[in-house]
Protein backbone atom coordinates (compact mmCIF):
# COMPACT_ATOMS: atom_id res chain seq x y z
CA MET A 1 8.29 -50.07 19.77
CA LYS A 2 6.73 -48.18 17.13
CA ARG A 3 5.05 -45.34 17.00
CA ARG A 4 1.51 -45.43 17.51
CA ILE A 5 -0.08 -42.46 15.79
CA ALA A 6 -3.44 -41.36 15.82
CA ILE A 7 -4.72 -39.79 12.05
CA LEU A 8 -7.58 -37.65 12.55
CA GLY A 9 -9.21 -36.90 8.54
CA SER A 10 -7.20 -40.59 7.43
CA THR A 11 -9.67 -40.82 4.53
CA GLY A 12 -9.02 -37.22 3.39
CA SER A 13 -5.63 -36.28 0.76
CA ILE A 14 -3.38 -35.95 3.65
CA GLY A 15 -4.74 -39.12 5.84
CA THR A 16 -4.82 -41.46 2.81
CA GLN A 17 -1.27 -40.17 2.03
CA ALA A 18 0.00 -40.81 5.57
CA LEU A 19 -1.11 -43.67 6.02
CA GLU A 20 1.28 -44.69 2.32
CA VAL A 21 4.16 -43.14 5.14
CA VAL A 22 3.02 -46.03 7.36
CA GLN A 23 2.90 -48.85 5.29
CA GLN A 24 6.30 -48.10 4.12
CA HIS A 25 7.85 -47.60 7.07
CA SER A 26 5.58 -50.28 9.06
CA GLY A 27 8.11 -51.09 11.27
CA LEU A 28 8.26 -47.95 12.50
CA PHE A 29 4.74 -46.71 12.86
CA GLU A 30 1.27 -47.50 13.85
CA ALA A 31 -1.48 -46.51 12.44
CA TYR A 32 -2.94 -46.69 15.91
CA VAL A 33 -6.17 -45.00 15.62
CA LEU A 34 -8.12 -43.90 12.31
CA THR A 35 -10.90 -41.19 12.14
CA ALA A 36 -13.25 -40.07 9.39
CA GLY A 37 -16.35 -37.18 9.44
CA ARG A 38 -18.66 -38.89 6.43
CA LYS A 39 -16.29 -40.91 4.44
CA ALA A 40 -17.44 -44.53 5.35
CA ASP A 41 -17.10 -46.88 2.65
CA LEU A 42 -12.92 -45.66 2.76
CA LEU A 43 -12.63 -45.32 6.41
CA ILE A 44 -13.64 -49.30 6.26
CA GLU A 45 -11.56 -49.86 3.57
CA GLN A 46 -8.74 -48.35 5.67
CA ALA A 47 -9.56 -49.83 8.58
CA LEU A 48 -9.61 -53.87 7.36
CA ARG A 49 -6.22 -52.86 5.73
CA PHE A 50 -3.90 -51.36 8.70
CA VAL A 51 -6.48 -52.77 11.91
CA PRO A 52 -6.09 -49.91 13.81
CA ARG A 53 -6.94 -50.01 17.63
CA TYR A 54 -9.74 -47.18 17.49
CA VAL A 55 -11.84 -46.18 15.07
CA VAL A 56 -14.15 -43.03 15.02
CA ILE A 57 -16.43 -41.94 12.40
CA ALA A 58 -18.05 -38.54 13.20
CA ASP A 59 -20.99 -38.86 11.75
CA GLU A 60 -23.16 -40.77 13.96
CA SER A 61 -25.93 -41.41 10.74
CA ARG A 62 -23.09 -44.03 9.56
CA TYR A 63 -21.61 -45.66 13.13
CA ARG A 64 -23.81 -48.54 12.43
CA GLU A 65 -22.36 -49.24 8.96
CA VAL A 66 -18.83 -48.69 10.26
CA SER A 67 -19.12 -51.13 13.22
CA GLU A 68 -20.91 -53.85 11.85
CA ALA A 69 -18.59 -53.67 8.61
CA LEU A 70 -15.26 -54.03 11.39
CA SER A 71 -16.96 -56.37 14.03
CA LYS A 72 -15.05 -59.36 13.50
CA LEU A 73 -12.02 -57.16 13.96
CA PRO A 74 -10.49 -56.32 17.63
CA ILE A 75 -11.09 -52.54 16.56
CA THR A 76 -13.20 -49.97 18.99
CA VAL A 77 -16.02 -48.15 16.96
CA MET A 78 -16.70 -44.74 18.05
CA THR A 79 -18.96 -41.78 16.89
CA GLY A 80 -19.56 -38.43 17.33
CA LYS A 81 -17.33 -35.24 17.28
CA GLN A 82 -16.59 -35.96 21.52
CA ALA A 83 -15.26 -39.23 20.34
CA LEU A 84 -12.70 -37.60 18.38
CA THR A 85 -11.11 -35.54 21.36
CA GLU A 86 -10.99 -38.54 23.37
CA VAL A 87 -8.98 -41.03 21.39
CA VAL A 88 -6.61 -37.83 20.84
CA CYS A 89 -6.02 -38.26 24.61
CA LEU A 90 -6.05 -42.10 24.91
CA PRO A 91 -2.36 -42.52 26.48
CA GLU A 92 -1.05 -45.42 24.20
CA VAL A 93 -0.72 -42.34 21.43
CA ASP A 94 2.55 -41.19 20.94
CA LEU A 95 1.90 -38.46 18.15
CA VAL A 96 -1.10 -37.43 16.36
CA LEU A 97 -1.69 -36.50 12.85
CA ALA A 98 -4.08 -33.77 12.40
CA ALA A 99 -5.46 -33.45 9.01
CA MET A 100 -9.06 -32.78 9.30
CA VAL A 101 -9.98 -29.51 7.55
CA GLY A 102 -11.28 -26.49 8.28
CA PHE A 103 -12.23 -24.92 11.93
CA SER A 104 -13.39 -28.41 12.85
CA GLY A 105 -10.02 -29.95 13.73
CA LEU A 106 -9.64 -27.29 16.59
CA LEU A 107 -11.27 -29.13 18.98
CA PRO A 108 -9.28 -32.45 18.95
CA THR A 109 -6.37 -30.97 18.29
CA TYR A 110 -6.52 -28.54 21.20
CA ALA A 111 -7.30 -31.93 23.42
CA ALA A 112 -4.46 -33.21 22.13
CA VAL A 113 -2.24 -30.34 22.59
CA LYS A 114 -3.55 -29.99 26.08
CA SER A 115 -2.77 -33.54 27.15
CA GLY A 116 1.00 -32.86 26.18
CA LYS A 117 0.70 -35.21 23.16
CA ASN A 118 3.22 -34.35 20.44
CA ILE A 119 1.63 -33.19 17.35
CA ALA A 120 2.15 -33.28 13.23
CA LEU A 121 -0.03 -30.65 12.12
CA ALA A 122 -1.44 -30.42 8.76
CA ASN A 123 -4.97 -28.57 9.83
CA LYS A 124 -3.52 -25.09 9.55
CA GLU A 125 -6.54 -23.54 10.36
CA THR A 126 -6.29 -24.51 14.02
CA LEU A 127 -3.02 -22.41 14.35
CA VAL A 128 -5.02 -19.60 12.04
CA ALA A 129 -8.05 -19.36 14.55
CA ALA A 130 -6.25 -20.41 17.72
CA GLY A 131 -2.77 -19.47 17.08
CA ALA A 132 -2.39 -17.90 20.87
CA LEU A 133 -3.90 -20.14 22.58
CA ILE A 134 -2.68 -23.21 21.01
CA THR A 135 0.89 -22.33 21.50
CA ALA A 136 0.02 -20.90 25.32
CA LEU A 137 -1.36 -24.55 25.91
CA ALA A 138 2.14 -26.27 23.78
CA GLY A 139 4.07 -23.84 26.18
CA LYS A 140 2.57 -25.39 29.21
CA SER A 141 2.04 -29.12 28.09
CA GLY A 142 5.20 -29.77 26.42
CA SER A 143 3.51 -30.41 23.39
CA GLY A 144 5.46 -30.62 20.36
CA ILE A 145 3.97 -29.11 17.02
CA TYR A 146 5.68 -30.51 14.10
CA PRO A 147 4.23 -28.87 10.35
CA VAL A 148 3.15 -30.95 7.96
CA ASP A 149 2.55 -28.19 5.30
CA SER A 150 4.88 -28.18 2.25
CA GLU A 151 6.25 -24.29 3.30
CA HIS A 152 5.83 -25.12 6.98
CA SER A 153 7.94 -28.04 7.17
CA ALA A 154 10.49 -26.32 4.71
CA ILE A 155 11.05 -23.98 7.01
CA PHE A 156 11.05 -26.37 9.79
CA GLN A 157 14.25 -28.10 7.88
CA CYS A 158 16.09 -25.19 6.83
CA LEU A 159 15.83 -23.82 10.89
CA ALA A 160 17.57 -27.34 12.25
CA GLY A 161 20.37 -26.20 14.28
CA GLU A 162 20.26 -22.24 13.91
CA ASN A 163 19.38 -19.92 16.19
CA PRO A 164 16.23 -18.13 16.13
CA ALA A 165 17.73 -14.77 16.53
CA TRP A 166 19.48 -15.02 13.47
CA VAL A 167 16.56 -15.19 11.17
CA GLU A 168 15.31 -11.87 9.63
CA LYS A 169 12.73 -12.98 6.69
CA LEU A 170 10.77 -16.18 6.03
CA ILE A 171 9.86 -16.63 2.70
CA LEU A 172 6.79 -18.78 1.46
CA THR A 173 6.69 -20.21 -1.76
CA ALA A 174 3.29 -20.42 -3.84
CA SER A 175 2.80 -22.19 -6.70
CA GLY A 176 -0.10 -19.01 -8.14
CA GLY A 177 -2.47 -21.87 -8.92
CA PRO A 178 -4.28 -22.15 -12.16
CA PHE A 179 -5.35 -18.42 -12.57
CA ARG A 180 -1.55 -16.92 -12.04
CA GLY A 181 -1.04 -14.36 -14.85
CA MET A 182 -5.26 -14.03 -15.85
CA LYS A 183 -6.71 -11.06 -15.87
CA ARG A 184 -9.69 -9.29 -13.47
CA GLU A 185 -12.14 -9.58 -16.69
CA HIS A 186 -11.10 -13.18 -16.76
CA LEU A 187 -11.69 -14.25 -13.51
CA GLN A 188 -14.89 -12.91 -12.92
CA ARG A 189 -16.03 -15.49 -15.55
CA VAL A 190 -14.29 -18.69 -13.98
CA THR A 191 -15.84 -21.97 -13.06
CA SER A 192 -15.15 -23.81 -9.87
CA GLN A 193 -13.87 -27.00 -11.90
CA GLU A 194 -11.23 -25.01 -13.54
CA ALA A 195 -10.36 -23.71 -9.73
CA LEU A 196 -10.08 -27.73 -9.00
CA ARG A 197 -7.29 -27.93 -11.72
CA HIS A 198 -3.96 -27.22 -9.75
CA PRO A 199 -1.20 -27.46 -11.76
CA ASN A 200 1.33 -28.82 -9.53
CA TRP A 201 -0.37 -30.45 -6.84
CA CYS A 202 -3.05 -33.32 -5.74
CA MET A 203 -4.89 -31.60 -2.56
CA GLY A 204 -9.01 -32.20 -1.74
CA ASN A 205 -11.41 -29.57 -2.84
CA LYS A 206 -11.29 -27.10 -0.13
CA VAL A 207 -7.62 -26.56 -0.21
CA THR A 208 -7.21 -26.70 -4.07
CA ILE A 209 -9.90 -23.51 -4.13
CA ASP A 210 -7.93 -21.89 -1.33
CA SER A 211 -4.81 -22.27 -3.46
CA ALA A 212 -6.51 -20.96 -6.61
CA SER A 213 -7.82 -17.87 -4.96
CA MET A 214 -4.52 -17.31 -2.49
CA MET A 215 -5.84 -18.03 0.49
CA ASN A 216 -4.48 -21.33 1.44
CA LYS A 217 -0.76 -18.80 1.60
CA GLY A 218 -2.74 -16.13 3.73
CA LEU A 219 -4.00 -18.74 6.14
CA GLU A 220 0.08 -20.35 5.53
CA VAL A 221 1.22 -16.72 6.81
CA ILE A 222 -1.03 -16.79 9.58
CA GLU A 223 0.48 -20.23 10.51
CA ALA A 224 3.97 -19.62 9.89
CA SER A 225 3.86 -16.75 12.36
CA TRP A 226 2.44 -18.70 14.94
CA LEU A 227 4.96 -21.81 14.68
CA PHE A 228 7.85 -19.82 14.12
CA SER A 229 7.27 -16.86 16.67
CA ILE A 230 8.01 -14.06 13.14
CA PRO A 231 5.66 -11.04 13.25
CA PRO A 232 4.27 -10.69 9.19
CA GLU A 233 6.49 -7.45 8.52
CA ARG A 234 8.78 -10.27 8.43
CA ILE A 235 7.26 -13.11 6.27
CA ASP A 236 7.12 -12.48 2.35
CA ILE A 237 5.61 -14.15 -0.14
CA VAL A 238 6.61 -15.17 -3.82
CA ILE A 239 4.99 -17.23 -6.48
CA HIS A 240 7.16 -20.13 -7.48
CA PRO A 241 5.43 -22.26 -10.44
CA GLN A 242 7.67 -24.65 -10.77
CA SER A 243 6.55 -25.55 -7.11
CA ILE A 244 10.30 -27.30 -6.47
CA ILE A 245 11.66 -24.45 -3.88
CA HIS A 246 8.80 -25.00 -1.07
CA SER A 247 9.97 -21.74 1.62
CA LEU A 248 13.32 -20.33 2.17
CA VAL A 249 14.35 -18.34 5.11
CA GLN A 250 16.75 -15.36 5.29
CA PHE A 251 19.45 -14.90 7.74
CA THR A 252 20.84 -11.67 9.41
CA ASP A 253 23.82 -12.23 7.19
CA GLY A 254 22.12 -12.07 3.85
CA SER A 255 22.49 -15.51 3.31
CA VAL A 256 19.32 -17.32 2.12
CA LYS A 257 18.16 -21.66 2.87
CA ALA A 258 16.04 -23.40 1.12
CA GLN A 259 15.04 -26.51 1.01
CA LEU A 260 13.78 -28.02 -2.36
CA GLY A 261 11.96 -31.60 -3.73
CA LEU A 262 9.61 -32.33 -6.41
CA PRO A 263 5.77 -31.58 -5.14
CA ASP A 264 5.07 -34.81 -3.09
CA MET A 265 2.87 -34.31 0.38
CA ARG A 266 4.49 -37.55 1.25
CA LEU A 267 7.39 -35.84 2.00
CA PRO A 268 6.65 -33.28 4.77
CA ILE A 269 4.14 -36.04 6.03
CA GLN A 270 7.02 -38.76 6.74
CA TYR A 271 9.41 -35.71 8.11
CA ALA A 272 6.81 -34.71 10.88
CA LEU A 273 6.00 -38.39 11.48
CA GLY A 274 9.39 -38.79 12.04
CA TYR A 275 11.07 -36.21 13.59
CA PRO A 276 13.85 -35.44 14.83
CA ASP A 277 15.05 -38.48 12.68
CA ARG A 278 15.03 -38.01 8.81
CA LEU A 279 13.87 -41.72 7.45
CA PRO A 280 14.67 -43.22 4.07
CA SER A 281 11.96 -43.35 1.28
CA GLU A 282 11.34 -44.67 -2.65
CA PHE A 283 9.90 -41.10 -3.39
CA PRO A 284 11.09 -39.81 -7.27
CA ARG A 285 13.88 -37.24 -6.65
CA PHE A 286 14.22 -34.11 -8.08
CA SER A 287 16.77 -34.01 -11.02
CA PHE A 288 18.67 -30.24 -11.53
CA ALA A 289 20.15 -31.95 -15.17
CA GLY A 290 16.43 -32.69 -16.01
CA CYS A 291 15.27 -28.71 -14.71
CA ARG A 292 14.65 -25.77 -17.15
CA GLU A 293 14.21 -23.47 -15.04
CA LEU A 294 13.32 -21.98 -11.58
CA THR A 295 11.45 -18.73 -11.77
CA PHE A 296 10.06 -15.84 -9.68
CA GLU A 297 7.51 -12.74 -9.14
CA GLU A 298 5.27 -11.23 -6.85
CA PRO A 299 1.99 -12.20 -6.16
CA ASP A 300 -0.91 -9.48 -6.81
CA ARG A 301 -2.42 -9.11 -4.07
CA GLN A 302 -5.11 -6.14 -5.27
CA LEU A 303 -6.33 -9.28 -7.79
CA PHE A 304 -5.97 -11.88 -5.11
CA ARG A 305 -7.08 -10.13 -2.73
CA ASN A 306 -7.32 -13.14 -0.20
CA LEU A 307 -3.43 -12.64 0.62
CA GLN A 308 -3.71 -9.02 1.97
CA LEU A 309 -6.95 -9.68 3.95
CA ALA A 310 -5.09 -12.48 5.73
CA TYR A 311 -2.43 -10.10 6.70
CA ASP A 312 -4.89 -7.89 7.57
CA ALA A 313 -6.45 -10.19 10.07
CA LEU A 314 -2.88 -11.27 11.46
CA HIS A 315 -2.10 -7.68 12.18
CA THR A 316 -5.67 -6.80 13.68
CA GLY A 317 -5.21 -10.39 15.81
CA GLY A 318 -7.73 -11.64 18.44
CA THR A 319 -10.78 -13.26 17.10
CA MET A 320 -10.09 -11.74 13.40
CA PRO A 321 -7.90 -14.57 11.63
CA CYS A 322 -11.05 -17.13 13.47
CA ILE A 323 -13.56 -14.75 11.70
CA MET A 324 -11.85 -14.57 8.43
CA ASN A 325 -11.22 -17.99 8.17
CA ALA A 326 -15.02 -19.24 8.71
CA ALA A 327 -15.75 -16.52 5.97
CA ASN A 328 -14.03 -17.76 3.79
CA GLU A 329 -15.14 -21.86 4.64
CA VAL A 330 -18.51 -20.94 3.64
CA VAL A 331 -17.57 -18.99 0.45
CA VAL A 332 -15.46 -21.72 -0.75
CA GLU A 333 -18.55 -24.33 -0.22
CA GLU A 334 -20.73 -22.06 -1.86
CA PHE A 335 -18.39 -21.47 -4.91
CA LEU A 336 -18.07 -25.36 -5.02
CA LYS A 337 -22.54 -25.25 -5.94
CA ASP A 338 -21.73 -22.77 -8.02
CA ARG A 339 -23.77 -20.20 -6.26
CA ILE A 340 -21.40 -17.67 -5.86
CA ARG A 341 -18.29 -16.57 -8.78
CA PHE A 342 -14.68 -16.58 -8.16
CA MET A 343 -14.66 -12.99 -7.43
CA ASP A 344 -17.22 -13.01 -4.95
CA MET A 345 -15.09 -14.46 -2.45
CA PRO A 346 -12.92 -11.56 -1.18
CA ALA A 347 -16.02 -9.64 -1.28
CA ILE A 348 -17.88 -11.30 1.06
CA ILE A 349 -15.05 -12.25 3.15
CA GLU A 350 -14.15 -8.90 3.61
CA GLU A 351 -17.26 -7.60 4.49
CA VAL A 352 -17.70 -10.19 7.09
CA MET A 353 -14.24 -8.96 8.93
CA GLY A 354 -16.15 -5.81 8.81
CA LYS A 355 -19.20 -7.22 10.78
CA ALA A 356 -19.03 -9.72 12.95
CA SER A 357 -18.16 -8.97 16.89
CA PHE A 358 -14.35 -8.38 17.52
CA VAL A 359 -12.83 -9.60 20.80
CA LYS A 360 -9.57 -8.94 21.26
CA ASP A 361 -8.22 -11.62 23.91
CA PRO A 362 -10.44 -14.49 23.43
CA GLY A 363 -11.13 -18.13 25.13
CA LEU A 364 -11.86 -20.94 23.35
CA GLU A 365 -15.72 -20.15 23.50
CA ASP A 366 -14.76 -16.49 22.34
CA LEU A 367 -13.39 -18.51 19.53
CA GLU A 368 -16.37 -20.83 18.92
CA ALA A 369 -18.56 -18.24 18.98
CA ALA A 370 -17.05 -16.12 16.56
CA ASP A 371 -17.09 -18.86 14.04
CA MET A 372 -20.63 -19.43 14.71
CA GLU A 373 -21.36 -15.62 13.90
CA ALA A 374 -19.15 -15.17 11.06
CA ARG A 375 -19.95 -18.41 9.16
CA SER A 376 -24.13 -16.66 9.61
CA LEU A 377 -22.90 -13.56 8.23
CA ALA A 378 -21.50 -14.69 5.09
CA ARG A 379 -23.87 -17.21 4.47
CA GLY A 380 -26.90 -14.62 4.50
CA ILE A 381 -24.53 -12.47 2.51
CA VAL A 382 -24.73 -15.03 -0.07
CA GLY A 383 -28.16 -15.44 0.81
CA LYS A 384 -29.05 -11.59 -0.33
CA GLY A 385 -27.82 -12.71 -4.03
CA MET A 386 -23.94 -11.75 -4.33
CA ARG A 387 -24.75 -12.59 -8.18
């Protein structure tokens, strides 16, 4: 039988590439549920092509447009945020690809984990904001969590067949983004359009800005800590501009395993969707003969302050990673609108982390409250004129 997949965020970068994988392996996978936030036109186009059983448009103002466009097909069209949590719990769904961007992906992912669904996790903010909650819930429900981020997929693959007690260190690689090697005075003047020019990866705007500021790597450290039960002091970052080695695992005997490949998100997506099988693909292959060099360097945590803030939030625990994440989502949005400068972002995040209410052992409601408060504080700081 085909594996029936619910794709949360089918119109985003991960969602669209996931549908390429589904199409390539149409005998194995079925796009059973497709959901989108506001991109009604693309959602309609996808639904006409893949004919899922359910379609959800979160923006209620676009419901009529989507419903009418799909009225002649055997598709149930739903709308609203509550609908997202309902479709992931459908008994027919075998796997949920959590590809929504930001904190908005937490509630439907939480519902899917609670119902025991296996999760292909591309929404790193779920574990950043609620790592303790989600991992404990998965332990109770039996939900499997298969990472989609290229770095975490690499570690996941390197750990296959290994005893967790043999792991000494995780090493996440980072491209360094478009501003690698720049001085502080140059970073003060960079624009959002410059930040969106990632040298290696094709990603959505939010993730691309996070990559430029190194926040993406900080979020990945937190996610890796929860995914693999590794404390932050045993997770390192190394800048690897070529993005060929996607991450590494160092073992207690001193040996190191790495997963390599061209920077193509379809590969980790396919691995998560097909796990535990490794499926064939027509993706381009990496050529060692054609590779001139693989280089590595240390990240600058003082210049790219967001990386250190993420480590600090992870060490503090409780609601602090959630607070940091919420503040970051606000500053990225404001930077994309050219309301603040690139170097304002970590300053605002750090100020919010110092001001927001803190809960040591939060429940879901505490995390929602922390997210709302942090966003309000961040917007207030922006409103006072960081520029």
